[in-house]
Amino acid sequence: MSDLFLSHIRLYPIKGCSGTDVQMAAMDARGFRYDRRWMLINEYGLGLQQLDFPILARIVASLDDDCLCVQAPGMSPLRVPLQSPLLKPGIVRWYHGRCEAFSISEQADAWFQQFLHVWCRLVFMPENTPRFVAPEYALDHELAAFTSFQYHLLGEGSLEDLNQRLDTPVPLDRFRPNLVVSGAPPFAEDSWHTVRINHLTFHVVRPCDRCAITTVDAATGTKTDKEPLATLAKYRTFQQKVLFGQYLLSSESGMLHVGDTIEVLEYQNPTRSI
């Protein structure tokens, strides 16, 4: 039996905001259902991100049976029905792409504007929106989210290795993974090519390159010093990129659960610093 297992599953319904751990999650050929399906945009249709608005990290989004649930300090909880009517369509952009999305709730827009003190609008990406993974990673592989890949995996051992090098340890939420693996040595995930989780197959397509978003403290909604990025850069730099975690794709449908075992089916030469 494999010693590797899923220790955390985390969904981020609103791109750029904090997510929530779940005990199980449904996935289909386009990714986790309702993961990063909403986004806040400015008046130009550009997605808000933590680099410019670190206070986004104080907004916590989760899902119940029929609603997007949003909480933030000093605000009454916000509930947006998952089947909200699609209102005004528009082309929205973020640093990795562009697509059509729809505004869904003026009440929600007002809630976010009150908390952030800037004009913004909550938009939703319907399931039938055509979006694809970049062809250098997969041909005709669809996405259903404001992101470039379906899944982001990180090993607990890798985080523990990093925290041993830091004066102040950082939590998992600095790196925003969907899937967290326990039982692997530090950076073992660098060498994985194909893995099976609960009978579902995933392909590791590339490492995750890190930016200053890792310096945003979700507890305060502010940027800290240059850590953990500065320390990571000392030993995780490859071709001028700081690498930590892996992006995954899958074309299968099913359920993942915390505690599911993980089997490595194929290995590859790791892309990492020396």
C-alpha atoms as a PDB file:
ATOM      1  CA  MET A   1       0.000   0.000   0.000  1.00  0.00           C
ATOM      2  CA  SER A   2       1.229   3.486  -0.819  1.00  0.00           C
ATOM      3  CA  ASP A   3       2.469   5.675   2.031  1.00  0.00           C
ATOM      4  CA  LEU A   4       1.361   8.748   0.092  1.00  0.00           C
ATOM      5  CA  PHE A   5      -2.070  10.229   0.737  1.00  0.00           C
ATOM      6  CA  LEU A   6      -4.069  13.410   0.281  1.00  0.00           C
ATOM      7  CA  SER A   7      -3.917  15.408   3.504  1.00  0.00           C
ATOM      8  CA  HIS A   8      -5.771  18.490   2.239  1.00  0.00           C
ATOM      9  CA  ILE A   9      -8.154  19.414  -0.564  1.00  0.00           C
ATOM     10  CA  ARG A  10      -8.759  23.122  -0.911  1.00  0.00           C
ATOM     11  CA  LEU A  11     -11.110  24.954  -3.266  1.00  0.00           C
ATOM     12  CA  TYR A  12     -10.832  28.618  -4.239  1.00  0.00           C
ATOM     13  CA  PRO A  13     -14.235  29.571  -5.672  1.00  0.00           C
ATOM     14  CA  ILE A  14     -13.248  33.228  -6.255  1.00  0.00           C
ATOM     15  CA  LYS A  15      -9.954  33.759  -8.027  1.00  0.00           C
ATOM     16  CA  GLY A  16      -7.566  35.790  -5.870  1.00  0.00           C
ATOM     17  CA  CYS A  17      -9.530  35.332  -2.635  1.00  0.00           C
ATOM     18  CA  SER A  18      -8.863  32.825   0.121  1.00  0.00           C
ATOM     19  CA  GLY A  19     -10.270  29.334  -0.212  1.00  0.00           C
ATOM     20  CA  THR A  20     -11.567  26.658   2.120  1.00  0.00           C
ATOM     21  CA  ASP A  21     -10.482  23.124   2.970  1.00  0.00           C
ATOM     22  CA  VAL A  22     -13.045  20.449   2.098  1.00  0.00           C
ATOM     23  CA  GLN A  23     -13.218  16.766   2.952  1.00  0.00           C
ATOM     24  CA  MET A  24     -14.192  15.762  -0.581  1.00  0.00           C
ATOM     25  CA  ALA A  25     -14.486  17.394  -3.985  1.00  0.00           C
ATOM     26  CA  ALA A  26     -16.122  16.467  -7.274  1.00  0.00           C
ATOM     27  CA  MET A  27     -14.030  16.729 -10.411  1.00  0.00           C
ATOM     28  CA  ASP A  28     -14.771  16.324 -14.099  1.00  0.00           C
ATOM     29  CA  ALA A  29     -12.778  16.591 -17.307  1.00  0.00           C
ATOM     30  CA  ARG A  30     -12.415  20.368 -16.844  1.00  0.00           C
ATOM     31  CA  GLY A  31     -11.317  20.452 -13.194  1.00  0.00           C
ATOM     32  CA  PHE A  32     -12.838  20.758  -9.724  1.00  0.00           C
ATOM     33  CA  ARG A  33     -16.432  21.917  -9.910  1.00  0.00           C
ATOM     34  CA  TYR A  34     -16.804  25.580  -9.000  1.00  0.00           C
ATOM     35  CA  ASP A  35     -13.092  26.079  -8.352  1.00  0.00           C
ATOM     36  CA  ARG A  36     -12.041  29.597  -9.482  1.00  0.00           C
ATOM     37  CA  ARG A  37     -15.278  30.042 -11.391  1.00  0.00           C
ATOM     38  CA  TRP A  38     -15.851  33.554 -10.034  1.00  0.00           C
ATOM     39  CA  MET A  39     -13.567  36.569 -10.280  1.00  0.00           C
ATOM     40  CA  LEU A  40     -13.625  40.236  -9.306  1.00  0.00           C
ATOM     41  CA  ILE A  41     -12.930  42.674 -12.135  1.00  0.00           C
ATOM     42  CA  ASN A  42     -12.329  46.420 -12.355  1.00  0.00           C
ATOM     43  CA  GLU A  43     -14.059  48.858 -14.706  1.00  0.00           C
ATOM     44  CA  TYR A  44     -11.771  47.788 -17.541  1.00  0.00           C
ATOM     45  CA  GLY A  45     -12.633  44.097 -17.221  1.00  0.00           C
ATOM     46  CA  LEU A  46      -9.281  43.236 -15.653  1.00  0.00           C
ATOM     47  CA  GLY A  47      -9.259  40.709 -12.811  1.00  0.00           C
ATOM     48  CA  LEU A  48      -8.217  41.928  -9.372  1.00  0.00           C
ATOM     49  CA  GLN A  49      -5.228  40.092  -7.922  1.00  0.00           C
ATOM     50  CA  GLN A  50      -3.468  39.976  -4.572  1.00  0.00           C
ATOM     51  CA  LEU A  51      -0.339  41.620  -5.961  1.00  0.00           C
ATOM     52  CA  ASP A  52      -2.308  44.867  -6.224  1.00  0.00           C
ATOM     53  CA  PHE A  53      -4.995  44.169  -3.612  1.00  0.00           C
ATOM     54  CA  PRO A  54      -3.511  41.993  -0.842  1.00  0.00           C
ATOM     55  CA  ILE A  55      -6.685  42.623   1.181  1.00  0.00           C
ATOM     56  CA  LEU A  56      -8.356  40.072  -1.132  1.00  0.00           C
ATOM     57  CA  ALA A  57      -6.745  37.429   1.071  1.00  0.00           C
ATOM     58  CA  ARG A  58      -9.112  38.445   3.903  1.00  0.00           C
ATOM     59  CA  ILE A  59     -12.096  37.421   1.769  1.00  0.00           C
ATOM     60  CA  VAL A  60     -12.887  33.743   2.362  1.00  0.00           C
ATOM     61  CA  ALA A  61     -15.051  31.950  -0.187  1.00  0.00           C
ATOM     62  CA  SER A  62     -16.649  28.541   0.281  1.00  0.00           C
ATOM     63  CA  LEU A  63     -19.481  26.465  -1.161  1.00  0.00           C
ATOM     64  CA  ASP A  64     -22.536  24.829   0.304  1.00  0.00           C
ATOM     65  CA  ASP A  65     -25.170  22.803  -1.516  1.00  0.00           C
ATOM     66  CA  ASP A  66     -26.586  25.658  -3.555  1.00  0.00           C
ATOM     67  CA  CYS A  67     -24.673  28.868  -2.766  1.00  0.00           C
ATOM     68  CA  LEU A  68     -21.339  30.605  -2.977  1.00  0.00           C
ATOM     69  CA  CYS A  69     -20.689  31.765   0.584  1.00  0.00           C
ATOM     70  CA  VAL A  70     -18.392  34.730   1.223  1.00  0.00           C
ATOM     71  CA  GLN A  71     -17.090  36.170   4.491  1.00  0.00           C
ATOM     72  CA  ALA A  72     -14.811  39.084   5.328  1.00  0.00           C
ATOM     73  CA  PRO A  73     -13.956  40.955   8.551  1.00  0.00           C
ATOM     74  CA  GLY A  74     -16.604  43.488   9.537  1.00  0.00           C
ATOM     75  CA  MET A  75     -19.029  42.334   6.849  1.00  0.00           C
ATOM     76  CA  SER A  76     -22.259  40.363   7.029  1.00  0.00           C
ATOM     77  CA  PRO A  77     -21.932  36.996   5.264  1.00  0.00           C
ATOM     78  CA  LEU A  78     -22.792  37.060   1.573  1.00  0.00           C
ATOM     79  CA  ARG A  79     -24.620  34.228  -0.171  1.00  0.00           C
ATOM     80  CA  VAL A  80     -24.830  34.042  -3.956  1.00  0.00           C
ATOM     81  CA  PRO A  81     -26.925  31.226  -5.478  1.00  0.00           C
ATOM     82  CA  LEU A  82     -24.897  28.890  -7.676  1.00  0.00           C
ATOM     83  CA  GLN A  83     -27.677  29.101 -10.248  1.00  0.00           C
ATOM     84  CA  SER A  84     -27.789  32.900 -10.301  1.00  0.00           C
ATOM     85  CA  PRO A  85     -29.210  34.394 -13.519  1.00  0.00           C
ATOM     86  CA  LEU A  86     -26.484  35.459 -15.939  1.00  0.00           C
ATOM     87  CA  LEU A  87     -26.774  39.212 -16.418  1.00  0.00           C
ATOM     88  CA  LYS A  88     -24.443  41.385 -18.469  1.00  0.00           C
ATOM     89  CA  PRO A  89     -21.825  39.504 -20.545  1.00  0.00           C
ATOM     90  CA  GLY A  90     -18.368  40.878 -21.228  1.00  0.00           C
ATOM     91  CA  ILE A  91     -14.810  39.954 -22.093  1.00  0.00           C
ATOM     92  CA  VAL A  92     -12.658  39.774 -18.969  1.00  0.00           C
ATOM     93  CA  ARG A  93      -8.892  39.515 -18.722  1.00  0.00           C
ATOM     94  CA  TRP A  94      -6.324  38.349 -16.216  1.00  0.00           C
ATOM     95  CA  TYR A  95      -2.614  37.765 -16.404  1.00  0.00           C
ATOM     96  CA  HIS A  96      -2.966  34.333 -18.007  1.00  0.00           C
ATOM     97  CA  GLY A  97      -5.849  34.808 -20.403  1.00  0.00           C
ATOM     98  CA  ARG A  98      -9.174  36.247 -21.420  1.00  0.00           C
ATOM     99  CA  CYS A  99     -12.677  34.899 -21.924  1.00  0.00           C
ATOM    100  CA  GLU A 100     -16.351  35.796 -21.745  1.00  0.00           C
ATOM    101  CA  ALA A 101     -17.909  36.017 -18.293  1.00  0.00           C
ATOM    102  CA  PHE A 102     -21.159  37.337 -16.842  1.00  0.00           C
ATOM    103  CA  SER A 103     -22.099  39.657 -14.019  1.00  0.00           C
ATOM    104  CA  ILE A 104     -24.553  37.935 -11.699  1.00  0.00           C
ATOM    105  CA  SER A 105     -25.518  40.103  -8.714  1.00  0.00           C
ATOM    106  CA  GLU A 106     -25.596  43.839  -8.070  1.00  0.00           C
ATOM    107  CA  GLN A 107     -25.981  43.047  -4.366  1.00  0.00           C
ATOM    108  CA  ALA A 108     -22.737  41.072  -4.451  1.00  0.00           C
ATOM    109  CA  ASP A 109     -20.995  43.868  -6.362  1.00  0.00           C
ATOM    110  CA  ALA A 110     -22.006  46.355  -3.657  1.00  0.00           C
ATOM    111  CA  TRP A 111     -20.779  43.992  -0.912  1.00  0.00           C
ATOM    112  CA  PHE A 112     -17.308  43.675  -2.440  1.00  0.00           C
ATOM    113  CA  GLN A 113     -17.092  47.397  -3.188  1.00  0.00           C
ATOM    114  CA  GLN A 114     -17.910  48.204   0.429  1.00  0.00           C
ATOM    115  CA  PHE A 115     -15.172  45.926   1.726  1.00  0.00           C
ATOM    116  CA  LEU A 116     -12.467  46.753  -0.828  1.00  0.00           C
ATOM    117  CA  HIS A 117     -13.254  50.479  -1.173  1.00  0.00           C
ATOM    118  CA  VAL A 118     -12.860  50.262  -4.956  1.00  0.00           C
ATOM    119  CA  TRP A 119     -15.292  49.777  -7.806  1.00  0.00           C
ATOM    120  CA  CYS A 120     -15.458  46.116  -8.779  1.00  0.00           C
ATOM    121  CA  ARG A 121     -17.843  43.536 -10.145  1.00  0.00           C
ATOM    122  CA  LEU A 122     -18.236  39.830  -9.435  1.00  0.00           C
ATOM    123  CA  VAL A 123     -18.329  37.798 -12.644  1.00  0.00           C
ATOM    124  CA  PHE A 124     -18.964  34.119 -13.283  1.00  0.00           C
ATOM    125  CA  MET A 125     -17.628  31.771 -15.952  1.00  0.00           C
ATOM    126  CA  PRO A 126     -20.355  29.353 -17.161  1.00  0.00           C
ATOM    127  CA  GLU A 127     -19.454  25.738 -17.804  1.00  0.00           C
ATOM    128  CA  ASN A 128     -19.913  26.109 -21.557  1.00  0.00           C
ATOM    129  CA  THR A 129     -17.324  28.884 -21.836  1.00  0.00           C
ATOM    130  CA  PRO A 130     -14.639  27.672 -24.272  1.00  0.00           C
ATOM    131  CA  ARG A 131     -11.227  27.722 -22.592  1.00  0.00           C
ATOM    132  CA  PHE A 132      -8.247  25.475 -23.217  1.00  0.00           C
ATOM    133  CA  VAL A 133      -4.909  24.632 -21.652  1.00  0.00           C
ATOM    134  CA  ALA A 134      -1.977  26.100 -23.594  1.00  0.00           C
ATOM    135  CA  PRO A 135      -1.208  23.687 -26.473  1.00  0.00           C
ATOM    136  CA  GLU A 136       2.412  23.187 -25.416  1.00  0.00           C
ATOM    137  CA  TYR A 137       1.059  21.334 -22.360  1.00  0.00           C
ATOM    138  CA  ALA A 138      -2.019  19.570 -23.736  1.00  0.00           C
ATOM    139  CA  LEU A 139      -3.989  19.571 -26.979  1.00  0.00           C
ATOM    140  CA  ASP A 140      -7.723  20.354 -26.814  1.00  0.00           C
ATOM    141  CA  HIS A 141      -7.771  20.034 -23.015  1.00  0.00           C
ATOM    142  CA  GLU A 142     -10.598  22.185 -21.689  1.00  0.00           C
ATOM    143  CA  LEU A 143     -10.646  24.327 -18.564  1.00  0.00           C
ATOM    144  CA  ALA A 144     -13.606  25.647 -16.610  1.00  0.00           C
ATOM    145  CA  ALA A 145     -11.889  28.224 -14.465  1.00  0.00           C
ATOM    146  CA  PHE A 146     -10.012  31.519 -14.384  1.00  0.00           C
ATOM    147  CA  THR A 147      -6.675  29.728 -14.318  1.00  0.00           C
ATOM    148  CA  SER A 148      -4.161  28.070 -16.633  1.00  0.00           C
ATOM    149  CA  PHE A 149      -4.224  24.551 -15.193  1.00  0.00           C
ATOM    150  CA  GLN A 150      -6.768  22.416 -13.385  1.00  0.00           C
ATOM    151  CA  TYR A 151      -4.908  21.363 -10.256  1.00  0.00           C
ATOM    152  CA  HIS A 152      -2.012  22.585  -8.148  1.00  0.00           C
ATOM    153  CA  LEU A 153      -0.245  19.994  -5.991  1.00  0.00           C
ATOM    154  CA  LEU A 154       2.227  20.570  -3.153  1.00  0.00           C
ATOM    155  CA  GLY A 155       3.958  18.128  -0.818  1.00  0.00           C
ATOM    156  CA  GLU A 156       3.856  18.711   2.934  1.00  0.00           C
ATOM    157  CA  GLY A 157       7.476  17.600   3.056  1.00  0.00           C
ATOM    158  CA  SER A 158       8.446  20.410   0.694  1.00  0.00           C
ATOM    159  CA  LEU A 159       6.741  22.994   2.894  1.00  0.00           C
ATOM    160  CA  GLU A 160       8.383  21.555   6.008  1.00  0.00           C
ATOM    161  CA  ASP A 161      11.774  21.780   4.290  1.00  0.00           C
ATOM    162  CA  LEU A 162      11.137  25.435   3.459  1.00  0.00           C
ATOM    163  CA  ASN A 163       9.912  26.279   6.950  1.00  0.00           C
ATOM    164  CA  GLN A 164      13.085  24.852   8.486  1.00  0.00           C
ATOM    165  CA  ARG A 165      14.989  27.496   6.530  1.00  0.00           C
ATOM    166  CA  LEU A 166      12.749  30.418   7.559  1.00  0.00           C
ATOM    167  CA  ASP A 167      12.890  32.444  10.761  1.00  0.00           C
ATOM    168  CA  THR A 168       9.082  32.549  10.740  1.00  0.00           C
ATOM    169  CA  PRO A 169       7.318  29.505   9.254  1.00  0.00           C
ATOM    170  CA  VAL A 170       4.579  30.119   6.691  1.00  0.00           C
ATOM    171  CA  PRO A 171       1.301  28.189   6.283  1.00  0.00           C
ATOM    172  CA  LEU A 172       0.084  26.312   3.230  1.00  0.00           C
ATOM    173  CA  ASP A 173      -2.223  29.132   2.186  1.00  0.00           C
ATOM    174  CA  ARG A 174       0.763  31.211   1.049  1.00  0.00           C
ATOM    175  CA  PHE A 175       1.013  28.856  -1.951  1.00  0.00           C
ATOM    176  CA  ARG A 176      -2.675  28.256  -2.713  1.00  0.00           C
ATOM    177  CA  PRO A 177      -2.524  24.512  -3.553  1.00  0.00           C
ATOM    178  CA  ASN A 178      -5.620  22.463  -4.379  1.00  0.00           C
ATOM    179  CA  LEU A 179      -4.041  19.137  -3.453  1.00  0.00           C
ATOM    180  CA  VAL A 180      -1.628  18.580  -0.576  1.00  0.00           C
ATOM    181  CA  VAL A 181       0.285  15.315  -0.288  1.00  0.00           C
ATOM    182  CA  SER A 182       1.569  13.746   2.916  1.00  0.00           C
ATOM    183  CA  GLY A 183       4.155  10.988   3.207  1.00  0.00           C
ATOM    184  CA  ALA A 184       6.602  12.135   0.521  1.00  0.00           C
ATOM    185  CA  PRO A 185      10.160  13.430   1.031  1.00  0.00           C
ATOM    186  CA  PRO A 186      10.801  17.105   0.262  1.00  0.00           C
ATOM    187  CA  PHE A 187      10.328  17.880  -3.439  1.00  0.00           C
ATOM    188  CA  ALA A 188       9.517  14.291  -4.378  1.00  0.00           C
ATOM    189  CA  GLU A 189       6.694  15.735  -6.495  1.00  0.00           C
ATOM    190  CA  ASP A 190       9.318  17.267  -8.814  1.00  0.00           C
ATOM    191  CA  SER A 191      10.002  13.823 -10.267  1.00  0.00           C
ATOM    192  CA  TRP A 192       6.400  12.632 -10.640  1.00  0.00           C
ATOM    193  CA  HIS A 193       5.008  12.399 -14.162  1.00  0.00           C
ATOM    194  CA  THR A 194       1.759  10.445 -13.724  1.00  0.00           C
ATOM    195  CA  VAL A 195      -0.078   9.756 -10.463  1.00  0.00           C
ATOM    196  CA  ARG A 196      -3.254   7.939  -9.500  1.00  0.00           C
ATOM    197  CA  ILE A 197      -5.481   9.244  -6.720  1.00  0.00           C
ATOM    198  CA  ASN A 198      -8.553   7.198  -5.812  1.00  0.00           C
ATOM    199  CA  HIS A 199      -8.452   5.414  -9.200  1.00  0.00           C
ATOM    200  CA  LEU A 200      -8.251   8.751 -11.068  1.00  0.00           C
ATOM    201  CA  THR A 201      -5.203   9.520 -13.193  1.00  0.00           C
ATOM    202  CA  PHE A 202      -3.405  12.878 -13.196  1.00  0.00           C
ATOM    203  CA  HIS A 203      -0.526  14.080 -15.354  1.00  0.00           C
ATOM    204  CA  VAL A 204       2.110  16.437 -13.950  1.00  0.00           C
ATOM    205  CA  VAL A 205       2.658  19.028 -16.680  1.00  0.00           C
ATOM    206  CA  ARG A 206       4.978  21.669 -15.227  1.00  0.00           C
ATOM    207  CA  PRO A 207       6.303  23.202 -12.000  1.00  0.00           C
ATOM    208  CA  CYS A 208       4.585  26.204 -10.460  1.00  0.00           C
ATOM    209  CA  ASP A 209       6.716  29.342 -10.708  1.00  0.00           C
ATOM    210  CA  ARG A 210       6.272  31.670  -7.766  1.00  0.00           C
ATOM    211  CA  CYS A 211       5.753  35.411  -7.479  1.00  0.00           C
ATOM    212  CA  ALA A 212       5.310  38.015  -4.748  1.00  0.00           C
ATOM    213  CA  ILE A 213       1.800  36.752  -3.938  1.00  0.00           C
ATOM    214  CA  THR A 214       3.569  34.274  -1.640  1.00  0.00           C
ATOM    215  CA  THR A 215       4.505  37.248   0.563  1.00  0.00           C
ATOM    216  CA  VAL A 216       0.847  38.130   1.280  1.00  0.00           C
ATOM    217  CA  ASP A 217      -0.235  37.165   4.799  1.00  0.00           C
ATOM    218  CA  ALA A 218      -3.855  35.979   4.587  1.00  0.00           C
ATOM    219  CA  ALA A 219      -4.354  36.635   8.305  1.00  0.00           C
ATOM    220  CA  THR A 220      -3.746  40.371   7.867  1.00  0.00           C
ATOM    221  CA  GLY A 221      -4.283  40.978   4.153  1.00  0.00           C
ATOM    222  CA  THR A 222      -0.921  42.711   3.866  1.00  0.00           C
ATOM    223  CA  LYS A 223       2.378  42.002   2.171  1.00  0.00           C
ATOM    224  CA  THR A 224       5.099  40.889   4.542  1.00  0.00           C
ATOM    225  CA  ASP A 225       8.810  41.176   3.873  1.00  0.00           C
ATOM    226  CA  LYS A 226      10.355  39.291   0.961  1.00  0.00           C
ATOM    227  CA  GLU A 227       9.796  35.911   2.578  1.00  0.00           C
ATOM    228  CA  PRO A 228       9.266  33.125   1.751  1.00  0.00           C
ATOM    229  CA  LEU A 229      10.148  34.075  -1.831  1.00  0.00           C
ATOM    230  CA  ALA A 230      13.676  35.243  -0.998  1.00  0.00           C
ATOM    231  CA  THR A 231      14.588  31.982   0.718  1.00  0.00           C
ATOM    232  CA  LEU A 232      12.995  29.859  -1.998  1.00  0.00           C
ATOM    233  CA  ALA A 233      15.027  31.734  -4.599  1.00  0.00           C
ATOM    234  CA  LYS A 234      18.252  30.589  -2.942  1.00  0.00           C
ATOM    235  CA  TYR A 235      17.642  26.900  -3.634  1.00  0.00           C
ATOM    236  CA  ARG A 236      14.599  26.531  -5.897  1.00  0.00           C
ATOM    237  CA  THR A 237      15.568  28.701  -8.886  1.00  0.00           C
ATOM    238  CA  PHE A 238      15.665  27.216 -12.374  1.00  0.00           C
ATOM    239  CA  GLN A 239      16.000  29.319 -15.531  1.00  0.00           C
ATOM    240  CA  GLN A 240      15.359  32.484 -13.492  1.00  0.00           C
ATOM    241  CA  LYS A 241      12.089  31.151 -12.072  1.00  0.00           C
ATOM    242  CA  VAL A 242      11.405  30.179  -8.467  1.00  0.00           C
ATOM    243  CA  LEU A 243       9.698  26.768  -8.531  1.00  0.00           C
ATOM    244  CA  PHE A 244       7.577  25.275  -5.757  1.00  0.00           C
ATOM    245  CA  GLY A 245       4.754  22.781  -6.344  1.00  0.00           C
ATOM    246  CA  GLN A 246       3.416  21.207  -9.523  1.00  0.00           C
ATOM    247  CA  TYR A 247       0.527  21.780 -11.925  1.00  0.00           C
ATOM    248  CA  LEU A 248      -1.589  18.767 -12.876  1.00  0.00           C
ATOM    249  CA  LEU A 249      -4.166  17.914 -15.534  1.00  0.00           C
ATOM    250  CA  SER A 250      -6.726  15.123 -15.730  1.00  0.00           C
ATOM    251  CA  SER A 251      -9.431  14.212 -18.230  1.00  0.00           C
ATOM    252  CA  GLU A 252     -11.318  11.987 -15.782  1.00  0.00           C
ATOM    253  CA  SER A 253     -14.388  12.485 -13.592  1.00  0.00           C
ATOM    254  CA  GLY A 254     -15.004  11.331 -10.043  1.00  0.00           C
ATOM    255  CA  MET A 255     -14.544  12.227  -6.382  1.00  0.00           C
ATOM    256  CA  LEU A 256     -11.431  12.937  -4.347  1.00  0.00           C
ATOM    257  CA  HIS A 257     -11.389  12.606  -0.564  1.00  0.00           C
ATOM    258  CA  VAL A 258      -8.978  13.625   2.161  1.00  0.00           C
ATOM    259  CA  GLY A 259      -7.106  10.436   3.024  1.00  0.00           C
ATOM    260  CA  ASP A 260      -7.144   9.014  -0.505  1.00  0.00           C
ATOM    261  CA  THR A 261      -3.967   7.107  -1.297  1.00  0.00           C
ATOM    262  CA  ILE A 262      -1.661   8.286  -4.073  1.00  0.00           C
ATOM    263  CA  GLU A 263       0.274   5.999  -6.370  1.00  0.00           C
ATOM    264  CA  VAL A 264       3.065   7.293  -8.595  1.00  0.00           C
ATOM    265  CA  LEU A 265       2.705   5.544 -11.957  1.00  0.00           C
ATOM    266  CA  GLU A 266       5.480   7.261 -13.911  1.00  0.00           C
ATOM    267  CA  TYR A 267       8.507   9.352 -13.035  1.00  0.00           C
ATOM    268  CA  GLN A 268      10.385  12.071 -14.920  1.00  0.00           C
ATOM    269  CA  ASN A 269      13.636  13.965 -14.553  1.00  0.00           C
ATOM    270  CA  PRO A 270      12.915  16.744 -12.058  1.00  0.00           C
ATOM    271  CA  THR A 271      13.146  20.395 -13.012  1.00  0.00           C
ATOM    272  CA  ARG A 272      14.726  22.001  -9.975  1.00  0.00           C
ATOM    273  CA  SER A 273      17.724  23.970  -8.827  1.00  0.00           C
ATOM    274  CA  ILE A 274      20.886  22.308  -7.574  1.00  0.00           C
END
